[in-house]
Amino acid sequence: MNPLFIYFIGISFLASLTVYFFSKPAALYLRLFPPFLLISLAVELSGMYYSRSGRANTLQYNFFSVFEFCFYLFVLSQVISNVKMKKAVWVTTGLYALTATINILFIQGKQVFHTITYALGCLLIVIFCIYYFWELFRLPKSVKLQKNPAFWICSGLLFYFCCGFPLFGLINYLVSVSTLLRNNFFTIVTILNIFLYSLFTIGFLCRIKIRKYTSLQ
């Protein structure tokens, strides 16, 4: 049986396709989400296949998570308005990709999950998400948050990586704990993923205008 969150990735992918069907072109980061989610779905499915067939999938998840962090940092660079902060995100993305690759290949190694640089990635996402919200709520005019895709996407990222920071930092120690604790860990991760991809889905669909019709008396 596939983990429940797999279906939510699929739903989010289908919802993301709507960004291509508007007369007004969507922002670049929204147009890049469908291929990103498709890759995410492929990685999760292949990872499950490898696990069930007794093959290691740690290296695959290590490099995919680095790619994932870089993509989310790119998204944040697109929704942040301050030019200096945009540049800071770009520089941070490059340095993070280099640091994580070195850690995976030469420090923690290919056989274990890169907890050190994963935790660092969580911290970076949280910092830039907080800056986005700080910038958003300092705008001189009101914004319809329910119609703002970036608001929903950044809300999902902030919640997921705030919770993921302590969880995934301990993932390499799960082999030495009881089955009950491992099951509880994966249950929490499933809930976090469902919440993340549900907010992504809302972010993709919130741009759709629903026309209200009234019957003529």
C-alpha atoms as a PDB file:
ATOM      1  CA  MET A   1       0.000   0.000   0.000  1.00  0.00           C
ATOM      2  CA  ASN A   2       1.384   3.413  -0.974  1.00  0.00           C
ATOM      3  CA  PRO A   3       1.768   6.112   1.709  1.00  0.00           C
ATOM      4  CA  LEU A   4      -1.255   8.410   1.746  1.00  0.00           C
ATOM      5  CA  PHE A   5       0.762  11.538   0.945  1.00  0.00           C
ATOM      6  CA  ILE A   6       1.666  10.097  -2.479  1.00  0.00           C
ATOM      7  CA  TYR A   7      -1.910  10.733  -3.590  1.00  0.00           C
ATOM      8  CA  PHE A   8      -1.717  14.309  -2.341  1.00  0.00           C
ATOM      9  CA  ILE A   9       1.400  14.895  -4.437  1.00  0.00           C
ATOM     10  CA  GLY A  10      -0.555  13.588  -7.434  1.00  0.00           C
ATOM     11  CA  ILE A  11      -3.514  15.849  -6.664  1.00  0.00           C
ATOM     12  CA  SER A  12      -1.199  18.823  -6.208  1.00  0.00           C
ATOM     13  CA  PHE A  13       0.469  18.050  -9.545  1.00  0.00           C
ATOM     14  CA  LEU A  14      -2.892  17.960 -11.328  1.00  0.00           C
ATOM     15  CA  ALA A  15      -3.914  21.224  -9.658  1.00  0.00           C
ATOM     16  CA  SER A  16      -0.613  22.835 -10.659  1.00  0.00           C
ATOM     17  CA  LEU A  17      -1.395  22.240 -14.333  1.00  0.00           C
ATOM     18  CA  THR A  18      -4.065  24.938 -14.077  1.00  0.00           C
ATOM     19  CA  VAL A  19      -1.321  27.588 -14.073  1.00  0.00           C
ATOM     20  CA  TYR A  20      -0.926  26.972 -17.821  1.00  0.00           C
ATOM     21  CA  PHE A  21      -4.580  27.625 -18.645  1.00  0.00           C
ATOM     22  CA  PHE A  22      -5.016  31.307 -17.871  1.00  0.00           C
ATOM     23  CA  SER A  23      -5.047  34.141 -20.385  1.00  0.00           C
ATOM     24  CA  LYS A  24      -2.710  36.024 -18.050  1.00  0.00           C
ATOM     25  CA  PRO A  25       0.583  34.079 -17.764  1.00  0.00           C
ATOM     26  CA  ALA A  26       1.416  32.822 -14.291  1.00  0.00           C
ATOM     27  CA  ALA A  27       4.638  33.792 -12.547  1.00  0.00           C
ATOM     28  CA  LEU A  28       7.707  31.766 -13.496  1.00  0.00           C
ATOM     29  CA  TYR A  29       7.899  29.923 -10.182  1.00  0.00           C
ATOM     30  CA  LEU A  30       4.303  28.723 -10.620  1.00  0.00           C
ATOM     31  CA  ARG A  31       4.998  27.500 -14.158  1.00  0.00           C
ATOM     32  CA  LEU A  32       7.960  25.488 -12.860  1.00  0.00           C
ATOM     33  CA  PHE A  33       5.935  23.756 -10.150  1.00  0.00           C
ATOM     34  CA  PRO A  34       4.275  21.124 -12.408  1.00  0.00           C
ATOM     35  CA  PRO A  35       7.586  19.583 -13.602  1.00  0.00           C
ATOM     36  CA  PHE A  36       8.966  19.828 -10.073  1.00  0.00           C
ATOM     37  CA  LEU A  37       5.957  17.993  -8.610  1.00  0.00           C
ATOM     38  CA  LEU A  38       6.141  15.381 -11.361  1.00  0.00           C
ATOM     39  CA  ILE A  39       9.791  14.753 -10.470  1.00  0.00           C
ATOM     40  CA  SER A  40       8.829  14.582  -6.777  1.00  0.00           C
ATOM     41  CA  LEU A  41       6.173  11.993  -7.539  1.00  0.00           C
ATOM     42  CA  ALA A  42       8.606   9.927  -9.638  1.00  0.00           C
ATOM     43  CA  VAL A  43      11.254  10.035  -6.896  1.00  0.00           C
ATOM     44  CA  GLU A  44       8.801   8.947  -4.196  1.00  0.00           C
ATOM     45  CA  LEU A  45       7.450   6.080  -6.294  1.00  0.00           C
ATOM     46  CA  SER A  46      10.901   4.859  -7.319  1.00  0.00           C
ATOM     47  CA  GLY A  47      12.112   5.224  -3.725  1.00  0.00           C
ATOM     48  CA  MET A  48       9.283   2.982  -2.525  1.00  0.00           C
ATOM     49  CA  TYR A  49      10.070   0.470  -5.262  1.00  0.00           C
ATOM     50  CA  TYR A  50      13.734   0.340  -4.262  1.00  0.00           C
ATOM     51  CA  SER A  51      12.828  -0.043  -0.586  1.00  0.00           C
ATOM     52  CA  ARG A  52      10.390  -2.898  -1.225  1.00  0.00           C
ATOM     53  CA  SER A  53      12.893  -4.711  -3.433  1.00  0.00           C
ATOM     54  CA  GLY A  54      15.590  -4.436  -0.776  1.00  0.00           C
ATOM     55  CA  ARG A  55      17.705  -1.861  -2.639  1.00  0.00           C
ATOM     56  CA  ALA A  56      19.174   1.224  -1.000  1.00  0.00           C
ATOM     57  CA  ASN A  57      17.503   4.549  -1.829  1.00  0.00           C
ATOM     58  CA  THR A  58      19.378   6.840   0.561  1.00  0.00           C
ATOM     59  CA  LEU A  59      21.603   8.407  -2.090  1.00  0.00           C
ATOM     60  CA  GLN A  60      18.576   9.123  -4.289  1.00  0.00           C
ATOM     61  CA  TYR A  61      16.779  10.931  -1.453  1.00  0.00           C
ATOM     62  CA  ASN A  62      19.966  12.738  -0.455  1.00  0.00           C
ATOM     63  CA  PHE A  63      20.438  14.381  -3.838  1.00  0.00           C
ATOM     64  CA  PHE A  64      16.728  14.892  -4.449  1.00  0.00           C
ATOM     65  CA  SER A  65      16.346  16.720  -1.136  1.00  0.00           C
ATOM     66  CA  VAL A  66      19.227  19.030  -2.131  1.00  0.00           C
ATOM     67  CA  PHE A  67      17.471  19.707  -5.434  1.00  0.00           C
ATOM     68  CA  GLU A  68      14.216  20.249  -3.515  1.00  0.00           C
ATOM     69  CA  PHE A  69      15.783  22.825  -1.200  1.00  0.00           C
ATOM     70  CA  CYS A  70      17.340  24.658  -4.153  1.00  0.00           C
ATOM     71  CA  PHE A  71      13.964  24.767  -5.915  1.00  0.00           C
ATOM     72  CA  TYR A  72      12.162  26.103  -2.854  1.00  0.00           C
ATOM     73  CA  LEU A  73      14.865  28.722  -2.350  1.00  0.00           C
ATOM     74  CA  PHE A  74      14.379  29.738  -5.991  1.00  0.00           C
ATOM     75  CA  VAL A  75      10.634  30.071  -5.341  1.00  0.00           C
ATOM     76  CA  LEU A  76      11.330  32.278  -2.335  1.00  0.00           C
ATOM     77  CA  SER A  77      13.691  34.434  -4.401  1.00  0.00           C
ATOM     78  CA  GLN A  78      10.802  34.999  -6.821  1.00  0.00           C
ATOM     79  CA  VAL A  79       8.223  36.014  -4.219  1.00  0.00           C
ATOM     80  CA  ILE A  80      10.512  38.238  -2.136  1.00  0.00           C
ATOM     81  CA  SER A  81      10.472  41.844  -3.362  1.00  0.00           C
ATOM     82  CA  ASN A  82      13.652  43.296  -1.872  1.00  0.00           C
ATOM     83  CA  VAL A  83      16.409  43.155  -4.496  1.00  0.00           C
ATOM     84  CA  LYS A  84      19.236  42.731  -1.983  1.00  0.00           C
ATOM     85  CA  MET A  85      17.408  39.895  -0.288  1.00  0.00           C
ATOM     86  CA  LYS A  86      16.753  38.231  -3.664  1.00  0.00           C
ATOM     87  CA  LYS A  87      20.498  38.274  -4.326  1.00  0.00           C
ATOM     88  CA  ALA A  88      21.123  36.896  -0.836  1.00  0.00           C
ATOM     89  CA  VAL A  89      18.801  33.967  -1.598  1.00  0.00           C
ATOM     90  CA  TRP A  90      20.582  33.270  -4.912  1.00  0.00           C
ATOM     91  CA  VAL A  91      24.010  33.277  -3.254  1.00  0.00           C
ATOM     92  CA  THR A  92      22.693  31.137  -0.404  1.00  0.00           C
ATOM     93  CA  THR A  93      21.260  28.624  -2.881  1.00  0.00           C
ATOM     94  CA  GLY A  94      24.605  28.172  -4.624  1.00  0.00           C
ATOM     95  CA  LEU A  95      26.520  27.849  -1.355  1.00  0.00           C
ATOM     96  CA  TYR A  96      23.978  25.420   0.030  1.00  0.00           C
ATOM     97  CA  ALA A  97      24.101  23.155  -3.036  1.00  0.00           C
ATOM     98  CA  LEU A  98      27.915  23.059  -2.832  1.00  0.00           C
ATOM     99  CA  THR A  99      27.978  22.453   0.933  1.00  0.00           C
ATOM    100  CA  ALA A 100      25.348  19.710   0.788  1.00  0.00           C
ATOM    101  CA  THR A 101      27.108  17.921  -2.078  1.00  0.00           C
ATOM    102  CA  ILE A 102      30.435  17.966  -0.220  1.00  0.00           C
ATOM    103  CA  ASN A 103      28.706  16.693   2.919  1.00  0.00           C
ATOM    104  CA  ILE A 104      27.009  13.825   1.061  1.00  0.00           C
ATOM    105  CA  LEU A 105      30.112  12.749  -0.844  1.00  0.00           C
ATOM    106  CA  PHE A 106      32.902  13.321   1.675  1.00  0.00           C
ATOM    107  CA  ILE A 107      31.656  13.984   5.222  1.00  0.00           C
ATOM    108  CA  GLN A 108      28.505  12.099   6.253  1.00  0.00           C
ATOM    109  CA  GLY A 109      28.843   9.821   3.244  1.00  0.00           C
ATOM    110  CA  LYS A 110      26.545   8.281   0.653  1.00  0.00           C
ATOM    111  CA  GLN A 111      25.177   5.522   2.875  1.00  0.00           C
ATOM    112  CA  VAL A 112      23.396   7.716   5.446  1.00  0.00           C
ATOM    113  CA  PHE A 113      20.897  10.536   5.183  1.00  0.00           C
ATOM    114  CA  HIS A 114      22.566  13.957   5.163  1.00  0.00           C
ATOM    115  CA  THR A 115      21.015  15.153   8.419  1.00  0.00           C
ATOM    116  CA  ILE A 116      23.445  18.053   8.901  1.00  0.00           C
ATOM    117  CA  THR A 117      22.795  19.791   5.588  1.00  0.00           C
ATOM    118  CA  TYR A 118      19.118  18.783   5.620  1.00  0.00           C
ATOM    119  CA  ALA A 119      18.701  20.607   8.918  1.00  0.00           C
ATOM    120  CA  LEU A 120      20.603  23.548   7.436  1.00  0.00           C
ATOM    121  CA  GLY A 121      18.243  23.569   4.443  1.00  0.00           C
ATOM    122  CA  CYS A 122      15.222  23.569   6.782  1.00  0.00           C
ATOM    123  CA  LEU A 123      16.668  26.518   8.661  1.00  0.00           C
ATOM    124  CA  LEU A 124      17.286  28.491   5.446  1.00  0.00           C
ATOM    125  CA  ILE A 125      13.744  27.899   4.176  1.00  0.00           C
ATOM    126  CA  VAL A 126      12.277  28.989   7.523  1.00  0.00           C
ATOM    127  CA  ILE A 127      14.402  32.158   7.628  1.00  0.00           C
ATOM    128  CA  PHE A 128      13.455  33.285   4.123  1.00  0.00           C
ATOM    129  CA  CYS A 129       9.787  32.366   4.621  1.00  0.00           C
ATOM    130  CA  ILE A 130       9.680  34.511   7.758  1.00  0.00           C
ATOM    131  CA  TYR A 131      11.257  37.349   5.790  1.00  0.00           C
ATOM    132  CA  TYR A 132       8.605  36.933   3.048  1.00  0.00           C
ATOM    133  CA  PHE A 133       5.784  37.211   5.614  1.00  0.00           C
ATOM    134  CA  TRP A 134       7.480  40.186   7.282  1.00  0.00           C
ATOM    135  CA  GLU A 135       7.689  41.871   3.890  1.00  0.00           C
ATOM    136  CA  LEU A 136       4.105  40.886   3.022  1.00  0.00           C
ATOM    137  CA  PHE A 137       2.554  42.342   6.162  1.00  0.00           C
ATOM    138  CA  ARG A 138       4.510  45.582   5.808  1.00  0.00           C
ATOM    139  CA  LEU A 139       2.917  46.363   2.445  1.00  0.00           C
ATOM    140  CA  PRO A 140       1.238  49.811   2.452  1.00  0.00           C
ATOM    141  CA  LYS A 141      -1.944  48.441   0.892  1.00  0.00           C
ATOM    142  CA  SER A 142      -4.055  45.439   1.773  1.00  0.00           C
ATOM    143  CA  VAL A 143      -3.604  42.184  -0.130  1.00  0.00           C
ATOM    144  CA  LYS A 144      -6.202  39.458  -0.661  1.00  0.00           C
ATOM    145  CA  LEU A 145      -4.224  36.646   0.885  1.00  0.00           C
ATOM    146  CA  GLN A 146      -6.790  34.031  -0.083  1.00  0.00           C
ATOM    147  CA  LYS A 147      -6.056  34.841  -3.752  1.00  0.00           C
ATOM    148  CA  ASN A 148      -2.284  34.992  -3.328  1.00  0.00           C
ATOM    149  CA  PRO A 149      -0.532  31.721  -4.411  1.00  0.00           C
ATOM    150  CA  ALA A 150       2.756  32.731  -2.771  1.00  0.00           C
ATOM    151  CA  PHE A 151       1.024  33.120   0.601  1.00  0.00           C
ATOM    152  CA  TRP A 152      -0.313  29.548   0.537  1.00  0.00           C
ATOM    153  CA  ILE A 153       2.927  28.064  -0.771  1.00  0.00           C
ATOM    154  CA  CYS A 154       5.096  29.861   1.781  1.00  0.00           C
ATOM    155  CA  SER A 155       2.679  28.947   4.586  1.00  0.00           C
ATOM    156  CA  GLY A 156       3.084  25.293   3.664  1.00  0.00           C
ATOM    157  CA  LEU A 157       6.856  25.561   3.465  1.00  0.00           C
ATOM    158  CA  LEU A 158       7.147  27.392   6.790  1.00  0.00           C
ATOM    159  CA  PHE A 159       5.011  24.873   8.678  1.00  0.00           C
ATOM    160  CA  TYR A 160       6.590  21.813   7.046  1.00  0.00           C
ATOM    161  CA  PHE A 161      10.206  22.799   7.546  1.00  0.00           C
ATOM    162  CA  CYS A 162       9.685  24.185  11.049  1.00  0.00           C
ATOM    163  CA  CYS A 163       8.425  20.747  12.040  1.00  0.00           C
ATOM    164  CA  GLY A 164      10.853  18.874   9.781  1.00  0.00           C
ATOM    165  CA  PHE A 165      13.919  20.543  11.294  1.00  0.00           C
ATOM    166  CA  PRO A 166      13.969  18.398  14.475  1.00  0.00           C
ATOM    167  CA  LEU A 167      12.372  15.316  12.898  1.00  0.00           C
ATOM    168  CA  PHE A 168      14.712  14.697   9.985  1.00  0.00           C
ATOM    169  CA  GLY A 169      17.720  15.646  12.066  1.00  0.00           C
ATOM    170  CA  LEU A 170      17.192  12.409  13.962  1.00  0.00           C
ATOM    171  CA  ILE A 171      16.304  10.123  11.060  1.00  0.00           C
ATOM    172  CA  ASN A 172      19.631   8.240  11.090  1.00  0.00           C
ATOM    173  CA  TYR A 173      18.931   7.147  14.671  1.00  0.00           C
ATOM    174  CA  LEU A 174      15.616   5.492  13.810  1.00  0.00           C
ATOM    175  CA  VAL A 175      17.301   2.165  13.069  1.00  0.00           C
ATOM    176  CA  SER A 176      18.081   1.788  16.769  1.00  0.00           C
ATOM    177  CA  VAL A 177      14.628   2.648  18.149  1.00  0.00           C
ATOM    178  CA  SER A 178      11.489   0.577  18.519  1.00  0.00           C
ATOM    179  CA  THR A 179       9.132  -0.191  15.657  1.00  0.00           C
ATOM    180  CA  LEU A 180       6.418   1.834  17.417  1.00  0.00           C
ATOM    181  CA  LEU A 181       8.554   4.973  17.435  1.00  0.00           C
ATOM    182  CA  ARG A 182       9.470   4.487  13.774  1.00  0.00           C
ATOM    183  CA  ASN A 183       5.810   4.081  12.871  1.00  0.00           C
ATOM    184  CA  ASN A 184       4.916   7.222  14.818  1.00  0.00           C
ATOM    185  CA  PHE A 185       7.691   9.104  13.011  1.00  0.00           C
ATOM    186  CA  PHE A 186       6.411   8.108   9.578  1.00  0.00           C
ATOM    187  CA  THR A 187       2.847   8.944  10.599  1.00  0.00           C
ATOM    188  CA  ILE A 188       3.932  12.469  11.539  1.00  0.00           C
ATOM    189  CA  VAL A 189       5.888  12.827   8.291  1.00  0.00           C
ATOM    190  CA  THR A 190       2.829  11.693   6.329  1.00  0.00           C
ATOM    191  CA  ILE A 191       0.645  14.289   8.061  1.00  0.00           C
ATOM    192  CA  LEU A 192       3.213  17.022   7.376  1.00  0.00           C
ATOM    193  CA  ASN A 193       3.393  16.065   3.703  1.00  0.00           C
ATOM    194  CA  ILE A 194      -0.387  16.007   3.376  1.00  0.00           C
ATOM    195  CA  PHE A 195      -0.583  19.483   4.890  1.00  0.00           C
ATOM    196  CA  LEU A 196       2.232  20.786   2.656  1.00  0.00           C
ATOM    197  CA  TYR A 197       0.783  19.512  -0.616  1.00  0.00           C
ATOM    198  CA  SER A 198      -2.738  20.522   0.380  1.00  0.00           C
ATOM    199  CA  LEU A 199      -1.581  24.125   0.795  1.00  0.00           C
ATOM    200  CA  PHE A 200       0.279  23.890  -2.518  1.00  0.00           C
ATOM    201  CA  THR A 201      -2.974  22.747  -4.133  1.00  0.00           C
ATOM    202  CA  ILE A 202      -4.873  25.681  -2.641  1.00  0.00           C
ATOM    203  CA  GLY A 203      -2.140  28.001  -3.913  1.00  0.00           C
ATOM    204  CA  PHE A 204      -2.556  26.721  -7.476  1.00  0.00           C
ATOM    205  CA  LEU A 205      -6.339  26.827  -7.441  1.00  0.00           C
ATOM    206  CA  CYS A 206      -6.840  30.136  -5.618  1.00  0.00           C
ATOM    207  CA  ARG A 207      -6.181  32.046  -8.854  1.00  0.00           C
ATOM    208  CA  ILE A 208      -9.299  30.559 -10.453  1.00  0.00           C
ATOM    209  CA  LYS A 209     -12.181  32.997 -10.510  1.00  0.00           C
ATOM    210  CA  ILE A 210     -15.528  31.433  -9.734  1.00  0.00           C
ATOM    211  CA  ARG A 211     -18.366  33.284 -11.350  1.00  0.00           C
ATOM    212  CA  LYS A 212     -21.589  33.507  -9.429  1.00  0.00           C
ATOM    213  CA  TYR A 213     -24.790  33.348 -11.399  1.00  0.00           C
ATOM    214  CA  THR A 214     -28.184  34.354 -10.085  1.00  0.00           C
ATOM    215  CA  SER A 215     -31.360  33.050 -11.584  1.00  0.00           C
ATOM    216  CA  LEU A 216     -33.649  35.629 -13.172  1.00  0.00           C
ATOM    217  CA  GLN A 217     -36.960  35.918 -11.455  1.00  0.00           C
END
